Amino acid sequence: SDANAYYKASVQGRFTISRDNATNTVYLFMNSLKPEDTAVYY
């Protein structure tokens, strides 16, 4: 029920979370990736 998504400060402006309810899919769009973004994403 939150109109605004929350982003960790270090990814603010580079990452975007979205959902497609029709296909039951969640997305994470990641731009301008940096070496410190290396991780397992869940």
ModelCIF file with pLDDT and N, C-alpha, C, O atoms, coordinates in Angstrom:
data_MODEL
#
_entry.id   MODEL 
#
_entity.id                         1 
_entity.type                       polymer 
_entity.pdbx_number_of_molecules   1 
#
_entity_poly.entity_id                      1 
_entity_poly.type                           'polypeptide(L)' 
_entity_poly.nstd_linkage                   no 
_entity_poly.nstd_monomer                   no 
_entity_poly.pdbx_seq_one_letter_code       SDANAYYKASVQGRFTISRDNATNTVYLFMNSLKPEDTAVYY 
_entity_poly.pdbx_seq_one_letter_code_can   SDANAYYKASVQGRFTISRDNATNTVYLFMNSLKPEDTAVYY 
_entity_poly.pdbx_strand_id                 A 
#
loop_
_entity_poly_seq.entity_id 
_entity_poly_seq.num 
_entity_poly_seq.mon_id 
_entity_poly_seq.hetero 
1 1  SER n 
1 2  ASP n 
1 3  ALA n 
1 4  ASN n 
1 5  ALA n 
1 6  TYR n 
1 7  TYR n 
1 8  LYS n 
1 9  ALA n 
1 10 SER n 
1 11 VAL n 
1 12 GLN n 
1 13 GLY n 
1 14 ARG n 
1 15 PHE n 
1 16 THR n 
1 17 ILE n 
1 18 SER n 
1 19 ARG n 
1 20 ASP n 
1 21 ASN n 
1 22 ALA n 
1 23 THR n 
1 24 ASN n 
1 25 THR n 
1 26 VAL n 
1 27 TYR n 
1 28 LEU n 
1 29 PHE n 
1 30 MET n 
1 31 ASN n 
1 32 SER n 
1 33 LEU n 
1 34 LYS n 
1 35 PRO n 
1 36 GLU n 
1 37 ASP n 
1 38 THR n 
1 39 ALA n 
1 40 VAL n 
1 41 TYR n 
1 42 TYR n 
#
_struct_asym.id          A 
_struct_asym.entity_id   1 
#
loop_
_ma_qa_metric.id 
_ma_qa_metric.mode 
_ma_qa_metric.name 
_ma_qa_metric.software_group_id 
_ma_qa_metric.type 
1 global pLDDT . pLDDT 
2 local  pLDDT . pLDDT 
#
_ma_qa_metric_global.metric_id      1 
_ma_qa_metric_global.metric_value   94.60 
_ma_qa_metric_global.model_id       1 
_ma_qa_metric_global.ordinal_id     1 
#
loop_
_ma_qa_metric_local.label_asym_id 
_ma_qa_metric_local.label_comp_id 
_ma_qa_metric_local.label_seq_id 
_ma_qa_metric_local.metric_id 
_ma_qa_metric_local.metric_value 
_ma_qa_metric_local.model_id 
_ma_qa_metric_local.ordinal_id 
A SER 1  2 79.00 1 1  
A ASP 2  2 77.00 1 2  
A ALA 3  2 79.00 1 3  
A ASN 4  2 88.00 1 4  
A ALA 5  2 94.00 1 5  
A TYR 6  2 96.00 1 6  
A TYR 7  2 97.00 1 7  
A LYS 8  2 97.00 1 8  
A ALA 9  2 97.00 1 9  
A SER 10 2 97.00 1 10 
A VAL 11 2 98.00 1 11 
A GLN 12 2 97.00 1 12 
A GLY 13 2 97.00 1 13 
A ARG 14 2 98.00 1 14 
A PHE 15 2 98.00 1 15 
A THR 16 2 97.00 1 16 
A ILE 17 2 96.00 1 17 
A SER 18 2 94.00 1 18 
A ARG 19 2 92.00 1 19 
A ASP 20 2 91.00 1 20 
A ASN 21 2 87.00 1 21 
A ALA 22 2 89.00 1 22 
A THR 23 2 92.00 1 23 
A ASN 24 2 92.00 1 24 
A THR 25 2 94.00 1 25 
A VAL 26 2 95.00 1 26 
A TYR 27 2 97.00 1 27 
A LEU 28 2 98.00 1 28 
A PHE 29 2 98.00 1 29 
A MET 30 2 98.00 1 30 
A ASN 31 2 98.00 1 31 
A SER 32 2 98.00 1 32 
A LEU 33 2 98.00 1 33 
A LYS 34 2 98.00 1 34 
A PRO 35 2 97.00 1 35 
A GLU 36 2 97.00 1 36 
A ASP 37 2 98.00 1 37 
A THR 38 2 98.00 1 38 
A ALA 39 2 98.00 1 39 
A VAL 40 2 98.00 1 40 
A TYR 41 2 98.00 1 41 
A TYR 42 2 98.00 1 42 
#
loop_
_atom_site.group_PDB 
_atom_site.id 
_atom_site.type_symbol 
_atom_site.label_atom_id 
_atom_site.label_alt_id 
_atom_site.label_comp_id 
_atom_site.label_asym_id 
_atom_site.label_entity_id 
_atom_site.label_seq_id 
_atom_site.pdbx_PDB_ins_code 
_atom_site.Cartn_x 
_atom_site.Cartn_y 
_atom_site.Cartn_z 
_atom_site.occupancy 
_atom_site.B_iso_or_equiv 
_atom_site.pdbx_formal_charge 
_atom_site.auth_seq_id 
_atom_site.auth_comp_id 
_atom_site.auth_asym_id 
_atom_site.auth_atom_id 
_atom_site.pdbx_PDB_model_num 
ATOM 1   N N  . SER A 1 1  ? 0.811  -1.211  0.000   1.00 79.00 ? 1  SER A N  1 
ATOM 2   C CA . SER A 1 1  ? 0.000  0.000   0.000   1.00 79.00 ? 1  SER A CA 1 
ATOM 3   C C  . SER A 1 1  ? 0.846  1.263   0.000   1.00 79.00 ? 1  SER A C  1 
ATOM 4   O O  . SER A 1 1  ? 0.383  2.332   0.398   1.00 79.00 ? 1  SER A O  1 
ATOM 5   N N  . ASP A 1 2  ? 2.067  1.134   -0.441  1.00 77.00 ? 2  ASP A N  1 
ATOM 6   C CA . ASP A 1 2  ? 3.001  2.261   -0.473  1.00 77.00 ? 2  ASP A CA 1 
ATOM 7   C C  . ASP A 1 2  ? 3.168  2.714   -1.921  1.00 77.00 ? 2  ASP A C  1 
ATOM 8   O O  . ASP A 1 2  ? 3.608  1.943   -2.773  1.00 77.00 ? 2  ASP A O  1 
ATOM 9   N N  . ALA A 1 3  ? 2.816  3.962   -2.191  1.00 79.00 ? 3  ALA A N  1 
ATOM 10  C CA . ALA A 1 3  ? 2.883  4.455   -3.563  1.00 79.00 ? 3  ALA A CA 1 
ATOM 11  C C  . ALA A 1 3  ? 4.323  4.601   -4.052  1.00 79.00 ? 3  ALA A C  1 
ATOM 12  O O  . ALA A 1 3  ? 4.586  4.552   -5.253  1.00 79.00 ? 3  ALA A O  1 
ATOM 13  N N  . ASN A 1 4  ? 5.242  4.778   -3.121  1.00 88.00 ? 4  ASN A N  1 
ATOM 14  C CA . ASN A 1 4  ? 6.636  5.008   -3.492  1.00 88.00 ? 4  ASN A CA 1 
ATOM 15  C C  . ASN A 1 4  ? 7.500  3.823   -3.067  1.00 88.00 ? 4  ASN A C  1 
ATOM 16  O O  . ASN A 1 4  ? 7.434  3.372   -1.924  1.00 88.00 ? 4  ASN A O  1 
ATOM 17  N N  . ALA A 1 5  ? 8.296  3.335   -3.985  1.00 94.00 ? 5  ALA A N  1 
ATOM 18  C CA . ALA A 1 5  ? 9.231  2.271   -3.664  1.00 94.00 ? 5  ALA A CA 1 
ATOM 19  C C  . ALA A 1 5  ? 10.395 2.837   -2.857  1.00 94.00 ? 5  ALA A C  1 
ATOM 20  O O  . ALA A 1 5  ? 10.682 4.032   -2.908  1.00 94.00 ? 5  ALA A O  1 
ATOM 21  N N  . TYR A 1 6  ? 11.049 1.967   -2.121  1.00 96.00 ? 6  TYR A N  1 
ATOM 22  C CA . TYR A 1 6  ? 12.241 2.354   -1.367  1.00 96.00 ? 6  TYR A CA 1 
ATOM 23  C C  . TYR A 1 6  ? 13.462 1.751   -2.045  1.00 96.00 ? 6  TYR A C  1 
ATOM 24  O O  . TYR A 1 6  ? 13.438 0.598   -2.475  1.00 96.00 ? 6  TYR A O  1 
ATOM 25  N N  . TYR A 1 7  ? 14.529 2.537   -2.137  1.00 97.00 ? 7  TYR A N  1 
ATOM 26  C CA . TYR A 1 7  ? 15.780 2.067   -2.716  1.00 97.00 ? 7  TYR A CA 1 
ATOM 27  C C  . TYR A 1 7  ? 16.927 2.337   -1.758  1.00 97.00 ? 7  TYR A C  1 
ATOM 28  O O  . TYR A 1 7  ? 16.999 3.388   -1.122  1.00 97.00 ? 7  TYR A O  1 
ATOM 29  N N  . LYS A 1 8  ? 17.814 1.369   -1.671  1.00 97.00 ? 8  LYS A N  1 
ATOM 30  C CA . LYS A 1 8  ? 19.048 1.584   -0.926  1.00 97.00 ? 8  LYS A CA 1 
ATOM 31  C C  . LYS A 1 8  ? 19.767 2.781   -1.549  1.00 97.00 ? 8  LYS A C  1 
ATOM 32  O O  . LYS A 1 8  ? 19.752 2.956   -2.767  1.00 97.00 ? 8  LYS A O  1 
ATOM 33  N N  . ALA A 1 9  ? 20.385 3.589   -0.719  1.00 97.00 ? 9  ALA A N  1 
ATOM 34  C CA . ALA A 1 9  ? 20.972 4.839   -1.193  1.00 97.00 ? 9  ALA A CA 1 
ATOM 35  C C  . ALA A 1 9  ? 21.951 4.636   -2.344  1.00 97.00 ? 9  ALA A C  1 
ATOM 36  O O  . ALA A 1 9  ? 21.988 5.433   -3.282  1.00 97.00 ? 9  ALA A O  1 
ATOM 37  N N  . SER A 1 10 ? 22.740 3.570   -2.271  1.00 97.00 ? 10 SER A N  1 
ATOM 38  C CA . SER A 1 10 ? 23.782 3.367   -3.277  1.00 97.00 ? 10 SER A CA 1 
ATOM 39  C C  . SER A 1 10 ? 23.235 2.964   -4.645  1.00 97.00 ? 10 SER A C  1 
ATOM 40  O O  . SER A 1 10 ? 23.972 2.986   -5.630  1.00 97.00 ? 10 SER A O  1 
ATOM 41  N N  . VAL A 1 11 ? 21.944 2.594   -4.722  1.00 98.00 ? 11 VAL A N  1 
ATOM 42  C CA . VAL A 1 11 ? 21.364 2.216   -6.009  1.00 98.00 ? 11 VAL A CA 1 
ATOM 43  C C  . VAL A 1 11 ? 20.291 3.200   -6.468  1.00 98.00 ? 11 VAL A C  1 
ATOM 44  O O  . VAL A 1 11 ? 19.761 3.081   -7.573  1.00 98.00 ? 11 VAL A O  1 
ATOM 45  N N  . GLN A 1 12 ? 19.978 4.169   -5.616  1.00 97.00 ? 12 GLN A N  1 
ATOM 46  C CA . GLN A 1 12 ? 18.967 5.176   -5.953  1.00 97.00 ? 12 GLN A CA 1 
ATOM 47  C C  . GLN A 1 12 ? 19.321 5.858   -7.268  1.00 97.00 ? 12 GLN A C  1 
ATOM 48  O O  . GLN A 1 12 ? 20.445 6.324   -7.453  1.00 97.00 ? 12 GLN A O  1 
ATOM 49  N N  . GLY A 1 13 ? 18.354 5.912   -8.179  1.00 97.00 ? 13 GLY A N  1 
ATOM 50  C CA . GLY A 1 13 ? 18.589 6.537   -9.480  1.00 97.00 ? 13 GLY A CA 1 
ATOM 51  C C  . GLY A 1 13 ? 19.157 5.603   -10.530 1.00 97.00 ? 13 GLY A C  1 
ATOM 52  O O  . GLY A 1 13 ? 19.170 5.935   -11.715 1.00 97.00 ? 13 GLY A O  1 
ATOM 53  N N  . ARG A 1 14 ? 19.629 4.433   -10.106 1.00 98.00 ? 14 ARG A N  1 
ATOM 54  C CA . ARG A 1 14 ? 20.186 3.459   -11.065 1.00 98.00 ? 14 ARG A CA 1 
ATOM 55  C C  . ARG A 1 14 ? 19.313 2.214   -11.193 1.00 98.00 ? 14 ARG A C  1 
ATOM 56  O O  . ARG A 1 14 ? 19.244 1.617   -12.267 1.00 98.00 ? 14 ARG A O  1 
ATOM 57  N N  . PHE A 1 15 ? 18.653 1.821   -10.120 1.00 98.00 ? 15 PHE A N  1 
ATOM 58  C CA . PHE A 1 15 ? 17.829 0.611   -10.114 1.00 98.00 ? 15 PHE A CA 1 
ATOM 59  C C  . PHE A 1 15 ? 16.347 0.997   -10.060 1.00 98.00 ? 15 PHE A C  1 
ATOM 60  O O  . PHE A 1 15 ? 15.976 2.017   -9.480  1.00 98.00 ? 15 PHE A O  1 
ATOM 61  N N  . THR A 1 16 ? 15.514 0.158   -10.675 1.00 97.00 ? 16 THR A N  1 
ATOM 62  C CA . THR A 1 16 ? 14.070 0.353   -10.630 1.00 97.00 ? 16 THR A CA 1 
ATOM 63  C C  . THR A 1 16 ? 13.384 -0.992  -10.414 1.00 97.00 ? 16 THR A C  1 
ATOM 64  O O  . THR A 1 16 ? 13.654 -1.961  -11.124 1.00 97.00 ? 16 THR A O  1 
ATOM 65  N N  . ILE A 1 17 ? 12.498 -1.038  -9.432  1.00 96.00 ? 17 ILE A N  1 
ATOM 66  C CA . ILE A 1 17 ? 11.709 -2.248  -9.183  1.00 96.00 ? 17 ILE A CA 1 
ATOM 67  C C  . ILE A 1 17 ? 10.334 -2.064  -9.817  1.00 96.00 ? 17 ILE A C  1 
ATOM 68  O O  . ILE A 1 17 ? 9.744  -0.985  -9.756  1.00 96.00 ? 17 ILE A O  1 
ATOM 69  N N  . SER A 1 18 ? 9.840  -3.129  -10.420 1.00 94.00 ? 18 SER A N  1 
ATOM 70  C CA . SER A 1 18 ? 8.505  -3.049  -10.992 1.00 94.00 ? 18 SER A CA 1 
ATOM 71  C C  . SER A 1 18 ? 7.867  -4.431  -10.963 1.00 94.00 ? 18 SER A C  1 
ATOM 72  O O  . SER A 1 18 ? 8.540  -5.435  -10.728 1.00 94.00 ? 18 SER A O  1 
ATOM 73  N N  . ARG A 1 19 ? 6.579  -4.468  -11.202 1.00 92.00 ? 19 ARG A N  1 
ATOM 74  C CA . ARG A 1 19 ? 5.868  -5.740  -11.250 1.00 92.00 ? 19 ARG A CA 1 
ATOM 75  C C  . ARG A 1 19 ? 4.914  -5.759  -12.424 1.00 92.00 ? 19 ARG A C  1 
ATOM 76  O O  . ARG A 1 19 ? 4.406  -4.722  -12.852 1.00 92.00 ? 19 ARG A O  1 
ATOM 77  N N  . ASP A 1 20 ? 4.679  -6.956  -12.938 1.00 91.00 ? 20 ASP A N  1 
ATOM 78  C CA . ASP A 1 20 ? 3.677  -7.176  -13.965 1.00 91.00 ? 20 ASP A CA 1 
ATOM 79  C C  . ASP A 1 20 ? 2.693  -8.182  -13.387 1.00 91.00 ? 20 ASP A C  1 
ATOM 80  O O  . ASP A 1 20 ? 2.955  -9.385  -13.384 1.00 91.00 ? 20 ASP A O  1 
ATOM 81  N N  . ASN A 1 21 ? 1.578  -7.697  -12.907 1.00 87.00 ? 21 ASN A N  1 
ATOM 82  C CA . ASN A 1 21 ? 0.614  -8.587  -12.266 1.00 87.00 ? 21 ASN A CA 1 
ATOM 83  C C  . ASN A 1 21 ? -0.006 -9.578  -13.257 1.00 87.00 ? 21 ASN A C  1 
ATOM 84  O O  . ASN A 1 21 ? -0.424 -10.668 -12.867 1.00 87.00 ? 21 ASN A O  1 
ATOM 85  N N  . ALA A 1 22 ? -0.063 -9.206  -14.512 1.00 89.00 ? 22 ALA A N  1 
ATOM 86  C CA . ALA A 1 22 ? -0.664 -10.096 -15.513 1.00 89.00 ? 22 ALA A CA 1 
ATOM 87  C C  . ALA A 1 22 ? 0.159  -11.364 -15.698 1.00 89.00 ? 22 ALA A C  1 
ATOM 88  O O  . ALA A 1 22 ? -0.388 -12.437 -15.955 1.00 89.00 ? 22 ALA A O  1 
ATOM 89  N N  . THR A 1 23 ? 1.464  -11.236 -15.568 1.00 92.00 ? 23 THR A N  1 
ATOM 90  C CA . THR A 1 23 ? 2.343  -12.404 -15.744 1.00 92.00 ? 23 THR A CA 1 
ATOM 91  C C  . THR A 1 23 ? 2.939  -12.869 -14.419 1.00 92.00 ? 23 THR A C  1 
ATOM 92  O O  . THR A 1 23 ? 3.755  -13.790 -14.391 1.00 92.00 ? 23 THR A O  1 
ATOM 93  N N  . ASN A 1 24 ? 2.529  -12.230 -13.317 1.00 92.00 ? 24 ASN A N  1 
ATOM 94  C CA . ASN A 1 24 ? 3.051  -12.593 -11.996 1.00 92.00 ? 24 ASN A CA 1 
ATOM 95  C C  . ASN A 1 24 ? 4.578  -12.526 -11.937 1.00 92.00 ? 24 ASN A C  1 
ATOM 96  O O  . ASN A 1 24 ? 5.237  -13.422 -11.409 1.00 92.00 ? 24 ASN A O  1 
ATOM 97  N N  . THR A 1 25 ? 5.113  -11.455 -12.485 1.00 94.00 ? 25 THR A N  1 
ATOM 98  C CA . THR A 1 25 ? 6.566  -11.304 -12.577 1.00 94.00 ? 25 THR A CA 1 
ATOM 99  C C  . THR A 1 25 ? 7.015  -10.006 -11.919 1.00 94.00 ? 25 THR A C  1 
ATOM 100 O O  . THR A 1 25 ? 6.390  -8.958  -12.084 1.00 94.00 ? 25 THR A O  1 
ATOM 101 N N  . VAL A 1 26 ? 8.102  -10.095 -11.177 1.00 95.00 ? 26 VAL A N  1 
ATOM 102 C CA . VAL A 1 26 ? 8.735  -8.933  -10.562 1.00 95.00 ? 26 VAL A CA 1 
ATOM 103 C C  . VAL A 1 26 ? 10.042 -8.673  -11.290 1.00 95.00 ? 26 VAL A C  1 
ATOM 104 O O  . VAL A 1 26 ? 10.767 -9.609  -11.627 1.00 95.00 ? 26 VAL A O  1 
ATOM 105 N N  . TYR A 1 27 ? 10.342 -7.411  -11.533 1.00 97.00 ? 27 TYR A N  1 
ATOM 106 C CA . TYR A 1 27 ? 11.556 -7.057  -12.258 1.00 97.00 ? 27 TYR A CA 1 
ATOM 107 C C  . TYR A 1 27 ? 12.442 -6.145  -11.411 1.00 97.00 ? 27 TYR A C  1 
ATOM 108 O O  . TYR A 1 27 ? 11.969 -5.410  -10.545 1.00 97.00 ? 27 TYR A O  1 
ATOM 109 N N  . LEU A 1 28 ? 13.741 -6.218  -11.692 1.00 98.00 ? 28 LEU A N  1 
ATOM 110 C CA . LEU A 1 28 ? 14.683 -5.226  -11.182 1.00 98.00 ? 28 LEU A CA 1 
ATOM 111 C C  . LEU A 1 28 ? 15.529 -4.780  -12.368 1.00 98.00 ? 28 LEU A C  1 
ATOM 112 O O  . LEU A 1 28 ? 16.328 -5.548  -12.903 1.00 98.00 ? 28 LEU A O  1 
ATOM 113 N N  . PHE A 1 29 ? 15.338 -3.521  -12.770 1.00 98.00 ? 29 PHE A N  1 
ATOM 114 C CA . PHE A 1 29 ? 16.126 -2.946  -13.841 1.00 98.00 ? 29 PHE A CA 1 
ATOM 115 C C  . PHE A 1 29 ? 17.337 -2.275  -13.212 1.00 98.00 ? 29 PHE A C  1 
ATOM 116 O O  . PHE A 1 29 ? 17.202 -1.417  -12.340 1.00 98.00 ? 29 PHE A O  1 
ATOM 117 N N  . MET A 1 30 ? 18.519 -2.673  -13.662 1.00 98.00 ? 30 MET A N  1 
ATOM 118 C CA . MET A 1 30 ? 19.757 -2.172  -13.074 1.00 98.00 ? 30 MET A CA 1 
ATOM 119 C C  . MET A 1 30 ? 20.577 -1.490  -14.167 1.00 98.00 ? 30 MET A C  1 
ATOM 120 O O  . MET A 1 30 ? 20.972 -2.122  -15.148 1.00 98.00 ? 30 MET A O  1 
ATOM 121 N N  . ASN A 1 31 ? 20.827 -0.198  -13.985 1.00 98.00 ? 31 ASN A N  1 
ATOM 122 C CA . ASN A 1 31 ? 21.611 0.581   -14.943 1.00 98.00 ? 31 ASN A CA 1 
ATOM 123 C C  . ASN A 1 31 ? 22.905 1.047   -14.289 1.00 98.00 ? 31 ASN A C  1 
ATOM 124 O O  . ASN A 1 31 ? 23.038 1.055   -13.066 1.00 98.00 ? 31 ASN A O  1 
ATOM 125 N N  . SER A 1 32 ? 23.851 1.434   -15.134 1.00 98.00 ? 32 SER A N  1 
ATOM 126 C CA . SER A 1 32 ? 25.136 1.978   -14.668 1.00 98.00 ? 32 SER A CA 1 
ATOM 127 C C  . SER A 1 32 ? 25.740 1.105   -13.574 1.00 98.00 ? 32 SER A C  1 
ATOM 128 O O  . SER A 1 32 ? 26.112 1.590   -12.505 1.00 98.00 ? 32 SER A O  1 
ATOM 129 N N  . LEU A 1 33 ? 25.829 -0.171  -13.858 1.00 98.00 ? 33 LEU A N  1 
ATOM 130 C CA . LEU A 1 33 ? 26.302 -1.117  -12.852 1.00 98.00 ? 33 LEU A CA 1 
ATOM 131 C C  . LEU A 1 33 ? 27.743 -0.863  -12.456 1.00 98.00 ? 33 LEU A C  1 
ATOM 132 O O  . LEU A 1 33 ? 28.567 -0.441  -13.268 1.00 98.00 ? 33 LEU A O  1 
ATOM 133 N N  . LYS A 1 34 ? 28.028 -1.129  -11.190 1.00 98.00 ? 34 LYS A N  1 
ATOM 134 C CA . LYS A 1 34 ? 29.361 -0.923  -10.629 1.00 98.00 ? 34 LYS A CA 1 
ATOM 135 C C  . LYS A 1 34 ? 29.876 -2.232  -10.051 1.00 98.00 ? 34 LYS A C  1 
ATOM 136 O O  . LYS A 1 34 ? 29.080 -3.109  -9.717  1.00 98.00 ? 34 LYS A O  1 
ATOM 137 N N  . PRO A 1 35 ? 31.184 -2.382  -9.927  1.00 97.00 ? 35 PRO A N  1 
ATOM 138 C CA . PRO A 1 35 ? 31.721 -3.615  -9.332  1.00 97.00 ? 35 PRO A CA 1 
ATOM 139 C C  . PRO A 1 35 ? 31.137 -3.912  -7.952  1.00 97.00 ? 35 PRO A C  1 
ATOM 140 O O  . PRO A 1 35 ? 30.967 -5.077  -7.591  1.00 97.00 ? 35 PRO A O  1 
ATOM 141 N N  . GLU A 1 36 ? 30.834 -2.890  -7.192  1.00 97.00 ? 36 GLU A N  1 
ATOM 142 C CA . GLU A 1 36 ? 30.275 -3.100  -5.856  1.00 97.00 ? 36 GLU A CA 1 
ATOM 143 C C  . GLU A 1 36 ? 28.830 -3.599  -5.885  1.00 97.00 ? 36 GLU A C  1 
ATOM 144 O O  . GLU A 1 36 ? 28.271 -3.917  -4.835  1.00 97.00 ? 36 GLU A O  1 
ATOM 145 N N  . ASP A 1 37 ? 28.221 -3.672  -7.059  1.00 98.00 ? 37 ASP A N  1 
ATOM 146 C CA . ASP A 1 37 ? 26.894 -4.269  -7.185  1.00 98.00 ? 37 ASP A CA 1 
ATOM 147 C C  . ASP A 1 37 ? 26.969 -5.795  -7.312  1.00 98.00 ? 37 ASP A C  1 
ATOM 148 O O  . ASP A 1 37 ? 25.937 -6.466  -7.327  1.00 98.00 ? 37 ASP A O  1 
ATOM 149 N N  . THR A 1 38 ? 28.160 -6.331  -7.402  1.00 98.00 ? 38 THR A N  1 
ATOM 150 C CA . THR A 1 38 ? 28.335 -7.772  -7.499  1.00 98.00 ? 38 THR A CA 1 
ATOM 151 C C  . THR A 1 38 ? 27.780 -8.466  -6.271  1.00 98.00 ? 38 THR A C  1 
ATOM 152 O O  . THR A 1 38 ? 28.165 -8.157  -5.143  1.00 98.00 ? 38 THR A O  1 
ATOM 153 N N  . ALA A 1 39 ? 26.865 -9.413  -6.498  1.00 98.00 ? 39 ALA A N  1 
ATOM 154 C CA . ALA A 1 39 ? 26.204 -10.099 -5.386  1.00 98.00 ? 39 ALA A CA 1 
ATOM 155 C C  . ALA A 1 39 ? 25.246 -11.152 -5.946  1.00 98.00 ? 39 ALA A C  1 
ATOM 156 O O  . ALA A 1 39 ? 24.964 -11.189 -7.144  1.00 98.00 ? 39 ALA A O  1 
ATOM 157 N N  . VAL A 1 40 ? 24.760 -11.997 -5.052  1.00 98.00 ? 40 VAL A N  1 
ATOM 158 C CA . VAL A 1 40 ? 23.613 -12.847 -5.379  1.00 98.00 ? 40 VAL A CA 1 
ATOM 159 C C  . VAL A 1 40 ? 22.362 -12.031 -5.065  1.00 98.00 ? 40 VAL A C  1 
ATOM 160 O O  . VAL A 1 40 ? 22.215 -11.502 -3.963  1.00 98.00 ? 40 VAL A O  1 
ATOM 161 N N  . TYR A 1 41 ? 21.478 -11.935 -6.027  1.00 98.00 ? 41 TYR A N  1 
ATOM 162 C CA . TYR A 1 41 ? 20.257 -11.142 -5.879  1.00 98.00 ? 41 TYR A CA 1 
ATOM 163 C C  . TYR A 1 41 ? 19.072 -12.080 -5.665  1.00 98.00 ? 41 TYR A C  1 
ATOM 164 O O  . TYR A 1 41 ? 18.891 -13.056 -6.393  1.00 98.00 ? 41 TYR A O  1 
ATOM 165 N N  . TYR A 1 42 ? 18.273 -11.763 -4.655  1.00 98.00 ? 42 TYR A N  1 
ATOM 166 C CA . TYR A 1 42 ? 17.109 -12.560 -4.298  1.00 98.00 ? 42 TYR A CA 1 
ATOM 167 C C  . TYR A 1 42 ? 15.845 -11.712 -4.419  1.00 98.00 ? 42 TYR A C  1 
ATOM 168 O O  . TYR A 1 42 ? 14.746 -12.202 -4.160  1.00 98.00 ? 42 TYR A O  1 
#
